[in-house]
Amino acid sequence: MHRPRPTLENVARRAGVSRATVSRVVNGSPKVGEDSREAVLKAIQELGYVPNQAARSLVTQRTDSFALVLPEEPGRVFSDDRFFPGVVRGVSQELESADKQLVLMMARSPASRDRIERFALARHVDGVMVASMHGADPLPSALSRMGVPVVCNERALGPASPPYVGVDNAAGAALAVAHLIRSGRTRIATVAGPQDMVAGIDRLSGYRAALAGARLEACVAVGAFTQESGAVAMRELLDREPRLDGVFVASDLMAIGVLRALRRAGRRVPDDVAVVGFDDIEPARYTEPALTTVRQPIEGIGRRLARQLLRLTAGEPIEPALVLPTELVVRESA
């Protein structure tokens, strides 16, 4: 036999309070005594009462939902690069622990960006996280101008930047180069990432600064954060500097291509050329030889993104720039 859904009145009778008191508890009002609040919460659990989310949103002006926007091409989001899945995992874990909902949105075109702006402006979500590798993406600034709470995973490349959670890419690159120098390498090249991305720019900057500090010359080729572009860039570097003995590669995916190109060129790793990557993706442990790399806390970025946005929407102060540290993971390639 079908049982009717418990109502607000059922909860009030079970808890021995007024309907108004139950409504205040459900809507998160602080104007309720602790004893009454506990009685209402106990009655809700015993009866299996589920609040009407639409009505609750009208009262509180909150949806308890947060959007994570990925303004990247699907080929990058769903590639072998584990950055975006890691960020999604971190965000979802943090929101779940706060009893909030995650809305995942893709921004692949101007039309989809307009749709996201309208969605956020209509307050279908309480705030937006933008996970992009492009610091020049216009979406975060557009949302900020509309008054939508927004936190990004990278600093903006323009003059103004919404709050962001990132990693110290320059320091991570410097760690990698310092390790190569300590191992006796003196002709250290780099396969840099795209120079329209914050990670590509900062990792190249860290490489150059570390070499300048050691009074060594730079040798740079630029890839596209893919295995194939890493292989192509490595062949270019070998043509330009056949005697190079170390390579810092700005992503592990590109480093896998670099290892392949070196093997085909007859160069032994690390005997002839030492290789250090960046990101510490899962396949880096299983390359031949296993890849020395710089680890960034990818899921930690996602968790901090969600945590910062929760604080922002609650009216709490947050750090405008939260930069997480990296660490060197030494394996057999260097």
C-alpha atoms as a PDB file:
ATOM      1  CA  MET A   1       0.000   0.000   0.000  1.00  0.00           C
ATOM      2  CA  HIS A   2       1.336   3.444  -0.978  1.00  0.00           C
ATOM      3  CA  ARG A   3       2.128   5.622   2.025  1.00  0.00           C
ATOM      4  CA  PRO A   4       1.645   9.396   1.646  1.00  0.00           C
ATOM      5  CA  ARG A   5       4.770  11.519   1.836  1.00  0.00           C
ATOM      6  CA  PRO A   6       5.372  13.086   5.257  1.00  0.00           C
ATOM      7  CA  THR A   7       4.443  16.760   5.415  1.00  0.00           C
ATOM      8  CA  LEU A   8       5.697  19.749   7.349  1.00  0.00           C
ATOM      9  CA  GLU A   9       2.705  19.336   9.689  1.00  0.00           C
ATOM     10  CA  ASN A  10       3.624  15.689  10.371  1.00  0.00           C
ATOM     11  CA  VAL A  11       7.127  16.757  11.354  1.00  0.00           C
ATOM     12  CA  ALA A  12       5.774  19.543  13.588  1.00  0.00           C
ATOM     13  CA  ARG A  13       3.473  17.125  15.440  1.00  0.00           C
ATOM     14  CA  ARG A  14       6.225  14.532  15.882  1.00  0.00           C
ATOM     15  CA  ALA A  15       8.671  17.167  17.171  1.00  0.00           C
ATOM     16  CA  GLY A  16       6.109  18.949  19.343  1.00  0.00           C
ATOM     17  CA  VAL A  17       6.790  22.346  17.766  1.00  0.00           C
ATOM     18  CA  SER A  18       4.983  24.721  15.463  1.00  0.00           C
ATOM     19  CA  ARG A  19       4.951  24.444  11.687  1.00  0.00           C
ATOM     20  CA  ALA A  20       6.834  27.753  11.539  1.00  0.00           C
ATOM     21  CA  THR A  21       9.636  26.321  13.688  1.00  0.00           C
ATOM     22  CA  VAL A  22      10.002  23.324  11.362  1.00  0.00           C
ATOM     23  CA  SER A  23      10.148  25.697   8.389  1.00  0.00           C
ATOM     24  CA  ARG A  24      12.895  27.748  10.049  1.00  0.00           C
ATOM     25  CA  VAL A  25      14.977  24.635  10.736  1.00  0.00           C
ATOM     26  CA  VAL A  26      14.563  23.347   7.180  1.00  0.00           C
ATOM     27  CA  ASN A  27      15.564  26.730   5.763  1.00  0.00           C
ATOM     28  CA  GLY A  28      18.631  27.058   7.971  1.00  0.00           C
ATOM     29  CA  SER A  29      17.405  29.962  10.078  1.00  0.00           C
ATOM     30  CA  PRO A  30      19.486  30.655  13.213  1.00  0.00           C
ATOM     31  CA  LYS A  31      16.354  31.841  15.087  1.00  0.00           C
ATOM     32  CA  VAL A  32      15.622  28.410  16.566  1.00  0.00           C
ATOM     33  CA  GLY A  33      16.641  27.068  19.976  1.00  0.00           C
ATOM     34  CA  GLU A  34      19.023  24.136  20.023  1.00  0.00           C
ATOM     35  CA  ASP A  35      16.510  21.792  21.722  1.00  0.00           C
ATOM     36  CA  SER A  36      13.830  22.585  19.163  1.00  0.00           C
ATOM     37  CA  ARG A  37      16.295  22.186  16.300  1.00  0.00           C
ATOM     38  CA  GLU A  38      17.374  18.755  17.526  1.00  0.00           C
ATOM     39  CA  ALA A  39      13.755  17.663  17.967  1.00  0.00           C
ATOM     40  CA  VAL A  40      12.900  18.759  14.417  1.00  0.00           C
ATOM     41  CA  LEU A  41      15.949  17.067  12.880  1.00  0.00           C
ATOM     42  CA  LYS A  42      15.142  13.857  14.759  1.00  0.00           C
ATOM     43  CA  ALA A  43      11.533  13.946  13.528  1.00  0.00           C
ATOM     44  CA  ILE A  44      12.684  14.561   9.953  1.00  0.00           C
ATOM     45  CA  GLN A  45      14.952  11.517  10.139  1.00  0.00           C
ATOM     46  CA  GLU A  46      12.317   9.281  11.725  1.00  0.00           C
ATOM     47  CA  LEU A  47       9.598  10.228   9.248  1.00  0.00           C
ATOM     48  CA  GLY A  48      11.842  10.367   6.193  1.00  0.00           C
ATOM     49  CA  TYR A  49      10.655  13.882   5.406  1.00  0.00           C
ATOM     50  CA  VAL A  50      12.168  15.425   2.251  1.00  0.00           C
ATOM     51  CA  PRO A  51      11.941  19.254   2.083  1.00  0.00           C
ATOM     52  CA  ASN A  52      10.510  20.843  -1.043  1.00  0.00           C
ATOM     53  CA  GLN A  53      13.685  22.157  -2.671  1.00  0.00           C
ATOM     54  CA  ALA A  54      11.887  24.661  -4.901  1.00  0.00           C
ATOM     55  CA  ALA A  55      10.035  26.200  -1.955  1.00  0.00           C
ATOM     56  CA  ARG A  56      13.202  26.205   0.138  1.00  0.00           C
ATOM     57  CA  SER A  57      15.092  28.005  -2.606  1.00  0.00           C
ATOM     58  CA  LEU A  58      12.409  30.717  -2.749  1.00  0.00           C
ATOM     59  CA  VAL A  59      12.793  31.331   0.979  1.00  0.00           C
ATOM     60  CA  THR A  60      16.579  31.159   1.267  1.00  0.00           C
ATOM     61  CA  GLN A  61      17.470  32.464  -2.196  1.00  0.00           C
ATOM     62  CA  ARG A  62      19.887  29.529  -2.394  1.00  0.00           C
ATOM     63  CA  THR A  63      19.864  26.370  -4.474  1.00  0.00           C
ATOM     64  CA  ASP A  64      22.642  24.449  -2.658  1.00  0.00           C
ATOM     65  CA  SER A  65      23.977  23.681  -6.153  1.00  0.00           C
ATOM     66  CA  PHE A  66      27.302  24.778  -7.620  1.00  0.00           C
ATOM     67  CA  ALA A  67      28.478  24.653 -11.228  1.00  0.00           C
ATOM     68  CA  LEU A  68      31.854  23.399 -12.375  1.00  0.00           C
ATOM     69  CA  VAL A  69      32.474  24.758 -15.863  1.00  0.00           C
ATOM     70  CA  LEU A  70      35.064  23.198 -18.187  1.00  0.00           C
ATOM     71  CA  PRO A  71      35.766  25.691 -21.007  1.00  0.00           C
ATOM     72  CA  GLU A  72      37.980  23.283 -22.959  1.00  0.00           C
ATOM     73  CA  GLU A  73      37.549  21.184 -26.062  1.00  0.00           C
ATOM     74  CA  PRO A  74      36.168  17.684 -25.365  1.00  0.00           C
ATOM     75  CA  GLY A  75      39.322  16.173 -26.859  1.00  0.00           C
ATOM     76  CA  ARG A  76      41.361  17.759 -24.075  1.00  0.00           C
ATOM     77  CA  VAL A  77      38.898  17.120 -21.231  1.00  0.00           C
ATOM     78  CA  PHE A  78      38.478  13.455 -22.150  1.00  0.00           C
ATOM     79  CA  SER A  79      42.076  12.757 -23.194  1.00  0.00           C
ATOM     80  CA  ASP A  80      44.729  10.742 -21.353  1.00  0.00           C
ATOM     81  CA  ASP A  81      45.457  13.856 -19.291  1.00  0.00           C
ATOM     82  CA  ARG A  82      44.074  13.192 -15.818  1.00  0.00           C
ATOM     83  CA  PHE A  83      43.946  16.861 -14.806  1.00  0.00           C
ATOM     84  CA  PHE A  84      40.276  17.488 -15.458  1.00  0.00           C
ATOM     85  CA  PRO A  85      38.980  14.169 -14.032  1.00  0.00           C
ATOM     86  CA  GLY A  86      41.116  14.802 -10.948  1.00  0.00           C
ATOM     87  CA  VAL A  87      39.678  18.285 -10.454  1.00  0.00           C
ATOM     88  CA  VAL A  88      36.127  16.941 -10.890  1.00  0.00           C
ATOM     89  CA  ARG A  89      36.800  14.255  -8.265  1.00  0.00           C
ATOM     90  CA  GLY A  90      38.144  16.786  -5.789  1.00  0.00           C
ATOM     91  CA  VAL A  91      35.236  19.204  -6.313  1.00  0.00           C
ATOM     92  CA  SER A  92      32.603  16.463  -6.029  1.00  0.00           C
ATOM     93  CA  GLN A  93      34.161  15.084  -2.822  1.00  0.00           C
ATOM     94  CA  GLU A  94      34.166  18.484  -1.150  1.00  0.00           C
ATOM     95  CA  LEU A  95      30.615  19.367  -2.211  1.00  0.00           C
ATOM     96  CA  GLU A  96      29.299  15.964  -1.191  1.00  0.00           C
ATOM     97  CA  SER A  97      30.777  16.361   2.278  1.00  0.00           C
ATOM     98  CA  ALA A  98      29.024  19.757   2.515  1.00  0.00           C
ATOM     99  CA  ASP A  99      25.718  18.212   1.320  1.00  0.00           C
ATOM    100  CA  LYS A 100      25.735  20.323  -1.857  1.00  0.00           C
ATOM    101  CA  GLN A 101      24.986  19.419  -5.460  1.00  0.00           C
ATOM    102  CA  LEU A 102      27.425  19.587  -8.381  1.00  0.00           C
ATOM    103  CA  VAL A 103      26.318  20.759 -11.822  1.00  0.00           C
ATOM    104  CA  LEU A 104      28.913  19.938 -14.499  1.00  0.00           C
ATOM    105  CA  MET A 105      28.842  22.163 -17.586  1.00  0.00           C
ATOM    106  CA  MET A 106      30.917  22.280 -20.769  1.00  0.00           C
ATOM    107  CA  ALA A 107      31.697  25.609 -22.457  1.00  0.00           C
ATOM    108  CA  ARG A 108      32.792  24.576 -25.950  1.00  0.00           C
ATOM    109  CA  SER A 109      31.502  27.508 -27.992  1.00  0.00           C
ATOM    110  CA  PRO A 110      30.281  31.123 -27.706  1.00  0.00           C
ATOM    111  CA  ALA A 111      26.706  29.800 -27.658  1.00  0.00           C
ATOM    112  CA  SER A 112      27.432  27.456 -24.749  1.00  0.00           C
ATOM    113  CA  ARG A 113      29.194  30.263 -22.884  1.00  0.00           C
ATOM    114  CA  ASP A 114      26.155  32.505 -23.322  1.00  0.00           C
ATOM    115  CA  ARG A 115      23.930  29.702 -22.033  1.00  0.00           C
ATOM    116  CA  ILE A 116      26.139  29.288 -18.948  1.00  0.00           C
ATOM    117  CA  GLU A 117      26.088  33.034 -18.282  1.00  0.00           C
ATOM    118  CA  ARG A 118      22.269  33.083 -18.471  1.00  0.00           C
ATOM    119  CA  PHE A 119      22.066  29.986 -16.266  1.00  0.00           C
ATOM    120  CA  ALA A 120      24.276  31.539 -13.593  1.00  0.00           C
ATOM    121  CA  LEU A 121      22.640  34.976 -13.819  1.00  0.00           C
ATOM    122  CA  ALA A 122      19.241  33.357 -13.237  1.00  0.00           C
ATOM    123  CA  ARG A 123      20.710  31.959  -9.989  1.00  0.00           C
ATOM    124  CA  HIS A 124      20.074  28.333 -10.876  1.00  0.00           C
ATOM    125  CA  VAL A 125      23.326  27.739  -8.958  1.00  0.00           C
ATOM    126  CA  ASP A 126      24.792  29.564  -5.971  1.00  0.00           C
ATOM    127  CA  GLY A 127      28.223  29.965  -7.550  1.00  0.00           C
ATOM    128  CA  VAL A 128      30.533  28.828 -10.324  1.00  0.00           C
ATOM    129  CA  MET A 129      33.964  27.173 -10.467  1.00  0.00           C
ATOM    130  CA  VAL A 130      35.828  27.516 -13.757  1.00  0.00           C
ATOM    131  CA  ALA A 131      38.500  24.887 -14.501  1.00  0.00           C
ATOM    132  CA  SER A 132      40.425  25.991 -17.568  1.00  0.00           C
ATOM    133  CA  MET A 133      44.040  25.832 -18.673  1.00  0.00           C
ATOM    134  CA  HIS A 134      43.638  29.148 -20.511  1.00  0.00           C
ATOM    135  CA  GLY A 135      44.211  32.185 -18.326  1.00  0.00           C
ATOM    136  CA  ALA A 136      42.764  34.456 -21.011  1.00  0.00           C
ATOM    137  CA  ASP A 137      39.341  32.788 -20.895  1.00  0.00           C
ATOM    138  CA  PRO A 138      36.707  35.600 -20.759  1.00  0.00           C
ATOM    139  CA  LEU A 139      34.045  33.603 -18.898  1.00  0.00           C
ATOM    140  CA  PRO A 140      35.244  34.149 -15.275  1.00  0.00           C
ATOM    141  CA  SER A 141      35.442  37.927 -15.686  1.00  0.00           C
ATOM    142  CA  ALA A 142      32.031  38.023 -17.367  1.00  0.00           C
ATOM    143  CA  LEU A 143      30.484  36.088 -14.481  1.00  0.00           C
ATOM    144  CA  SER A 144      32.194  38.334 -11.912  1.00  0.00           C
ATOM    145  CA  ARG A 145      30.819  41.458 -13.601  1.00  0.00           C
ATOM    146  CA  MET A 146      27.331  39.957 -13.295  1.00  0.00           C
ATOM    147  CA  GLY A 147      27.791  39.531  -9.559  1.00  0.00           C
ATOM    148  CA  VAL A 148      27.996  35.741  -9.747  1.00  0.00           C
ATOM    149  CA  PRO A 149      30.379  34.247  -7.137  1.00  0.00           C
ATOM    150  CA  VAL A 150      33.177  32.616  -9.117  1.00  0.00           C
ATOM    151  CA  VAL A 151      36.498  30.903  -8.334  1.00  0.00           C
ATOM    152  CA  CYS A 152      38.992  29.712 -10.979  1.00  0.00           C
ATOM    153  CA  ASN A 153      41.734  27.096 -11.058  1.00  0.00           C
ATOM    154  CA  GLU A 154      44.236  29.502 -12.616  1.00  0.00           C
ATOM    155  CA  ARG A 155      44.980  33.197 -12.416  1.00  0.00           C
ATOM    156  CA  ALA A 156      43.736  35.297 -15.280  1.00  0.00           C
ATOM    157  CA  LEU A 157      46.306  36.600 -17.750  1.00  0.00           C
ATOM    158  CA  GLY A 158      44.573  39.984 -17.950  1.00  0.00           C
ATOM    159  CA  PRO A 159      44.850  42.945 -15.556  1.00  0.00           C
ATOM    160  CA  ALA A 160      42.107  41.699 -13.208  1.00  0.00           C
ATOM    161  CA  SER A 161      41.723  38.186 -11.865  1.00  0.00           C
ATOM    162  CA  PRO A 162      38.805  36.598  -9.990  1.00  0.00           C
ATOM    163  CA  PRO A 163      39.805  34.530  -6.944  1.00  0.00           C
ATOM    164  CA  TYR A 164      41.736  31.441  -7.982  1.00  0.00           C
ATOM    165  CA  VAL A 165      43.327  28.240  -6.702  1.00  0.00           C
ATOM    166  CA  GLY A 166      46.459  27.209  -8.572  1.00  0.00           C
ATOM    167  CA  VAL A 167      49.825  25.556  -8.149  1.00  0.00           C
ATOM    168  CA  ASP A 168      53.309  27.057  -8.152  1.00  0.00           C
ATOM    169  CA  ASN A 169      54.228  25.999 -11.678  1.00  0.00           C
ATOM    170  CA  ALA A 170      57.367  28.139 -11.822  1.00  0.00           C
ATOM    171  CA  ALA A 171      58.741  26.690  -8.575  1.00  0.00           C
ATOM    172  CA  GLY A 172      57.930  23.171  -9.775  1.00  0.00           C
ATOM    173  CA  ALA A 173      59.863  23.720 -12.998  1.00  0.00           C
ATOM    174  CA  ALA A 174      62.785  25.121 -11.013  1.00  0.00           C
ATOM    175  CA  LEU A 175      62.757  21.970  -8.838  1.00  0.00           C
ATOM    176  CA  ALA A 176      63.005  19.833 -11.967  1.00  0.00           C
ATOM    177  CA  VAL A 177      65.879  21.812 -13.469  1.00  0.00           C
ATOM    178  CA  ALA A 178      67.759  21.969 -10.160  1.00  0.00           C
ATOM    179  CA  HIS A 179      67.576  18.175  -9.962  1.00  0.00           C
ATOM    180  CA  LEU A 180      69.040  17.862 -13.458  1.00  0.00           C
ATOM    181  CA  ILE A 181      71.834  20.290 -12.586  1.00  0.00           C
ATOM    182  CA  ARG A 182      72.668  18.404  -9.384  1.00  0.00           C
ATOM    183  CA  SER A 183      72.990  15.215 -11.404  1.00  0.00           C
ATOM    184  CA  GLY A 184      75.702  16.881 -13.494  1.00  0.00           C
ATOM    185  CA  ARG A 185      73.689  17.861 -16.579  1.00  0.00           C
ATOM    186  CA  THR A 186      74.896  21.039 -18.276  1.00  0.00           C
ATOM    187  CA  ARG A 187      73.050  21.087 -21.620  1.00  0.00           C
ATOM    188  CA  ILE A 188      69.455  21.114 -20.440  1.00  0.00           C
ATOM    189  CA  ALA A 189      66.679  21.732 -22.949  1.00  0.00           C
ATOM    190  CA  THR A 190      62.944  22.042 -22.365  1.00  0.00           C
ATOM    191  CA  VAL A 191      59.786  21.046 -24.157  1.00  0.00           C
ATOM    192  CA  ALA A 192      57.573  23.908 -23.010  1.00  0.00           C
ATOM    193  CA  GLY A 193      53.797  23.960 -22.956  1.00  0.00           C
ATOM    194  CA  PRO A 194      51.612  26.288 -25.061  1.00  0.00           C
ATOM    195  CA  GLN A 195      52.325  29.916 -24.329  1.00  0.00           C
ATOM    196  CA  ASP A 196      48.653  30.905 -24.197  1.00  0.00           C
ATOM    197  CA  MET A 197      48.236  28.780 -21.044  1.00  0.00           C
ATOM    198  CA  VAL A 198      49.285  29.816 -17.544  1.00  0.00           C
ATOM    199  CA  ALA A 199      50.919  26.439 -16.880  1.00  0.00           C
ATOM    200  CA  GLY A 200      52.925  26.661 -20.105  1.00  0.00           C
ATOM    201  CA  ILE A 201      54.037  30.219 -19.414  1.00  0.00           C
ATOM    202  CA  ASP A 202      54.986  29.694 -15.765  1.00  0.00           C
ATOM    203  CA  ARG A 203      56.785  26.381 -16.272  1.00  0.00           C
ATOM    204  CA  LEU A 204      58.907  27.922 -19.009  1.00  0.00           C
ATOM    205  CA  SER A 205      59.620  30.902 -16.749  1.00  0.00           C
ATOM    206  CA  GLY A 206      60.755  28.585 -13.941  1.00  0.00           C
ATOM    207  CA  TYR A 207      63.014  26.668 -16.342  1.00  0.00           C
ATOM    208  CA  ARG A 208      64.650  29.859 -17.617  1.00  0.00           C
ATOM    209  CA  ALA A 209      65.163  31.255 -14.109  1.00  0.00           C
ATOM    210  CA  ALA A 210      66.815  28.048 -12.873  1.00  0.00           C
ATOM    211  CA  LEU A 211      69.179  27.918 -15.848  1.00  0.00           C
ATOM    212  CA  ALA A 212      70.040  31.599 -15.501  1.00  0.00           C
ATOM    213  CA  GLY A 213      70.902  31.044 -11.840  1.00  0.00           C
ATOM    214  CA  ALA A 214      73.314  28.297 -12.880  1.00  0.00           C
ATOM    215  CA  ARG A 215      74.641  30.371 -15.830  1.00  0.00           C
ATOM    216  CA  LEU A 216      73.521  27.754 -18.347  1.00  0.00           C
ATOM    217  CA  GLU A 217      72.005  28.421 -21.750  1.00  0.00           C
ATOM    218  CA  ALA A 218      68.361  27.691 -22.531  1.00  0.00           C
ATOM    219  CA  CYS A 219      67.205  25.578 -25.455  1.00  0.00           C
ATOM    220  CA  VAL A 220      63.441  25.670 -25.970  1.00  0.00           C
ATOM    221  CA  ALA A 221      60.897  23.876 -28.143  1.00  0.00           C
ATOM    222  CA  VAL A 222      57.149  24.271 -27.607  1.00  0.00           C
ATOM    223  CA  GLY A 223      54.646  21.420 -27.521  1.00  0.00           C
ATOM    224  CA  ALA A 224      50.885  21.160 -27.063  1.00  0.00           C
ATOM    225  CA  PHE A 225      50.569  19.015 -23.900  1.00  0.00           C
ATOM    226  CA  THR A 226      50.156  15.862 -26.036  1.00  0.00           C
ATOM    227  CA  GLN A 227      52.364  12.799 -26.558  1.00  0.00           C
ATOM    228  CA  GLU A 228      52.800  13.444 -30.270  1.00  0.00           C
ATOM    229  CA  SER A 229      53.801  17.089 -29.790  1.00  0.00           C
ATOM    230  CA  GLY A 230      56.384  15.970 -27.213  1.00  0.00           C
ATOM    231  CA  ALA A 231      57.946  13.566 -29.702  1.00  0.00           C
ATOM    232  CA  VAL A 232      58.025  16.211 -32.453  1.00  0.00           C
ATOM    233  CA  ALA A 233      59.574  18.812 -30.110  1.00  0.00           C
ATOM    234  CA  MET A 234      62.224  16.332 -28.938  1.00  0.00           C
ATOM    235  CA  ARG A 235      63.291  15.580 -32.503  1.00  0.00           C
ATOM    236  CA  GLU A 236      63.559  19.323 -33.097  1.00  0.00           C
ATOM    237  CA  LEU A 237      65.740  19.757 -29.992  1.00  0.00           C
ATOM    238  CA  LEU A 238      68.058  16.909 -31.022  1.00  0.00           C
ATOM    239  CA  ASP A 239      68.508  18.487 -34.447  1.00  0.00           C
ATOM    240  CA  ARG A 240      69.394  21.836 -32.864  1.00  0.00           C
ATOM    241  CA  GLU A 241      71.541  20.559 -29.988  1.00  0.00           C
ATOM    242  CA  PRO A 242      72.767  16.977 -30.537  1.00  0.00           C
ATOM    243  CA  ARG A 243      74.871  17.079 -27.352  1.00  0.00           C
ATOM    244  CA  LEU A 244      72.044  17.888 -24.920  1.00  0.00           C
ATOM    245  CA  ASP A 245      72.104  15.711 -21.814  1.00  0.00           C
ATOM    246  CA  GLY A 246      68.952  16.740 -19.940  1.00  0.00           C
ATOM    247  CA  VAL A 247      65.357  17.682 -20.775  1.00  0.00           C
ATOM    248  CA  PHE A 248      62.687  19.252 -18.631  1.00  0.00           C
ATOM    249  CA  VAL A 249      59.296  18.503 -20.174  1.00  0.00           C
ATOM    250  CA  ALA A 250      56.343  20.674 -19.119  1.00  0.00           C
ATOM    251  CA  SER A 251      53.894  17.755 -18.915  1.00  0.00           C
ATOM    252  CA  ASP A 252      54.098  14.009 -18.426  1.00  0.00           C
ATOM    253  CA  LEU A 253      52.045  13.382 -21.558  1.00  0.00           C
ATOM    254  CA  MET A 254      54.641  15.236 -23.620  1.00  0.00           C
ATOM    255  CA  ALA A 255      57.402  13.443 -21.697  1.00  0.00           C
ATOM    256  CA  ILE A 256      56.034  10.069 -22.839  1.00  0.00           C
ATOM    257  CA  GLY A 257      56.476  11.283 -26.424  1.00  0.00           C
ATOM    258  CA  VAL A 258      59.960  12.577 -25.552  1.00  0.00           C
ATOM    259  CA  LEU A 259      61.010   9.154 -24.218  1.00  0.00           C
ATOM    260  CA  ARG A 260      59.783   7.531 -27.415  1.00  0.00           C
ATOM    261  CA  ALA A 261      61.674  10.015 -29.607  1.00  0.00           C
ATOM    262  CA  LEU A 262      64.895   9.538 -27.624  1.00  0.00           C
ATOM    263  CA  ARG A 263      64.609   5.753 -27.859  1.00  0.00           C
ATOM    264  CA  ARG A 264      64.150   5.952 -31.624  1.00  0.00           C
ATOM    265  CA  ALA A 265      67.149   8.283 -31.863  1.00  0.00           C
ATOM    266  CA  GLY A 266      69.290   5.729 -30.039  1.00  0.00           C
ATOM    267  CA  ARG A 267      69.679   7.859 -26.893  1.00  0.00           C
ATOM    268  CA  ARG A 268      69.649   6.018 -23.572  1.00  0.00           C
ATOM    269  CA  VAL A 269      67.652   7.455 -20.675  1.00  0.00           C
ATOM    270  CA  PRO A 270      69.078   8.474 -18.263  1.00  0.00           C
ATOM    271  CA  ASP A 271      72.636   7.519 -19.302  1.00  0.00           C
ATOM    272  CA  ASP A 272      72.741   9.823 -22.317  1.00  0.00           C
ATOM    273  CA  VAL A 273      69.797  12.134 -21.627  1.00  0.00           C
ATOM    274  CA  ALA A 274      67.982  12.588 -18.292  1.00  0.00           C
ATOM    275  CA  VAL A 275      64.273  13.438 -18.509  1.00  0.00           C
ATOM    276  CA  VAL A 276      61.986  15.110 -15.964  1.00  0.00           C
ATOM    277  CA  GLY A 277      58.267  15.648 -16.563  1.00  0.00           C
ATOM    278  CA  PHE A 278      55.496  17.507 -14.753  1.00  0.00           C
ATOM    279  CA  ASP A 279      52.104  16.434 -13.308  1.00  0.00           C
ATOM    280  CA  ASP A 280      52.809  12.897 -11.992  1.00  0.00           C
ATOM    281  CA  ILE A 281      50.024  11.257 -13.972  1.00  0.00           C
ATOM    282  CA  GLU A 282      49.455   7.531 -13.412  1.00  0.00           C
ATOM    283  CA  PRO A 283      51.253   6.349 -16.612  1.00  0.00           C
ATOM    284  CA  ALA A 284      54.444   8.146 -15.469  1.00  0.00           C
ATOM    285  CA  ARG A 285      55.094   5.242 -13.092  1.00  0.00           C
ATOM    286  CA  TYR A 286      55.032   2.698 -15.910  1.00  0.00           C
ATOM    287  CA  THR A 287      57.097   4.313 -18.657  1.00  0.00           C
ATOM    288  CA  GLU A 288      60.431   2.718 -19.523  1.00  0.00           C
ATOM    289  CA  PRO A 289      62.297   3.960 -17.585  1.00  0.00           C
ATOM    290  CA  ALA A 290      59.825   5.239 -14.958  1.00  0.00           C
ATOM    291  CA  LEU A 291      59.500   8.999 -15.237  1.00  0.00           C
ATOM    292  CA  THR A 292      60.936  11.456 -12.725  1.00  0.00           C
ATOM    293  CA  THR A 293      58.335  14.206 -12.492  1.00  0.00           C
ATOM    294  CA  VAL A 294      56.875  17.114 -10.538  1.00  0.00           C
ATOM    295  CA  ARG A 295      53.704  16.274  -8.648  1.00  0.00           C
ATOM    296  CA  GLN A 296      50.902  18.776  -8.391  1.00  0.00           C
ATOM    297  CA  PRO A 297      47.947  18.089  -6.053  1.00  0.00           C
ATOM    298  CA  ILE A 298      45.244  17.807  -8.698  1.00  0.00           C
ATOM    299  CA  GLU A 299      42.417  16.550  -6.485  1.00  0.00           C
ATOM    300  CA  GLY A 300      43.565  19.049  -3.879  1.00  0.00           C
ATOM    301  CA  ILE A 301      42.989  21.830  -6.408  1.00  0.00           C
ATOM    302  CA  GLY A 302      39.406  20.605  -6.867  1.00  0.00           C
ATOM    303  CA  ARG A 303      38.773  20.393  -3.141  1.00  0.00           C
ATOM    304  CA  ARG A 304      40.182  23.865  -2.524  1.00  0.00           C
ATOM    305  CA  LEU A 305      38.161  25.273  -5.440  1.00  0.00           C
ATOM    306  CA  ALA A 306      34.937  24.017  -3.886  1.00  0.00           C
ATOM    307  CA  ARG A 307      35.983  25.068  -0.380  1.00  0.00           C
ATOM    308  CA  GLN A 308      36.810  28.602  -1.506  1.00  0.00           C
ATOM    309  CA  LEU A 309      33.511  28.955  -3.348  1.00  0.00           C
ATOM    310  CA  LEU A 310      31.526  27.667  -0.368  1.00  0.00           C
ATOM    311  CA  ARG A 311      33.196  30.290   1.801  1.00  0.00           C
ATOM    312  CA  LEU A 312      32.647  33.014  -0.766  1.00  0.00           C
ATOM    313  CA  THR A 313      28.933  32.293  -1.076  1.00  0.00           C
ATOM    314  CA  ALA A 314      28.616  32.163   2.718  1.00  0.00           C
ATOM    315  CA  GLY A 315      30.029  35.693   2.946  1.00  0.00           C
ATOM    316  CA  GLU A 316      33.279  34.556   4.536  1.00  0.00           C
ATOM    317  CA  PRO A 317      36.643  36.132   3.592  1.00  0.00           C
ATOM    318  CA  ILE A 318      38.852  34.098   1.262  1.00  0.00           C
ATOM    319  CA  GLU A 319      42.356  34.434  -0.109  1.00  0.00           C
ATOM    320  CA  PRO A 320      42.188  35.955  -3.613  1.00  0.00           C
ATOM    321  CA  ALA A 321      45.153  33.824  -4.721  1.00  0.00           C
ATOM    322  CA  LEU A 322      45.646  30.392  -3.180  1.00  0.00           C
ATOM    323  CA  VAL A 323      48.791  28.800  -4.637  1.00  0.00           C
ATOM    324  CA  LEU A 324      49.504  25.177  -3.721  1.00  0.00           C
ATOM    325  CA  PRO A 325      53.051  23.739  -3.594  1.00  0.00           C
ATOM    326  CA  THR A 326      54.515  21.081  -5.868  1.00  0.00           C
ATOM    327  CA  GLU A 327      57.030  18.330  -5.093  1.00  0.00           C
ATOM    328  CA  LEU A 328      59.661  16.427  -7.041  1.00  0.00           C
ATOM    329  CA  VAL A 329      59.110  12.687  -7.475  1.00  0.00           C
ATOM    330  CA  VAL A 330      62.405  10.992  -8.378  1.00  0.00           C
ATOM    331  CA  ARG A 331      62.277   7.822 -10.475  1.00  0.00           C
ATOM    332  CA  GLU A 332      64.626   6.173 -12.977  1.00  0.00           C
ATOM    333  CA  SER A 333      64.516   8.668 -15.887  1.00  0.00           C
ATOM    334  CA  ALA A 334      66.667  11.251 -14.064  1.00  0.00           C
END
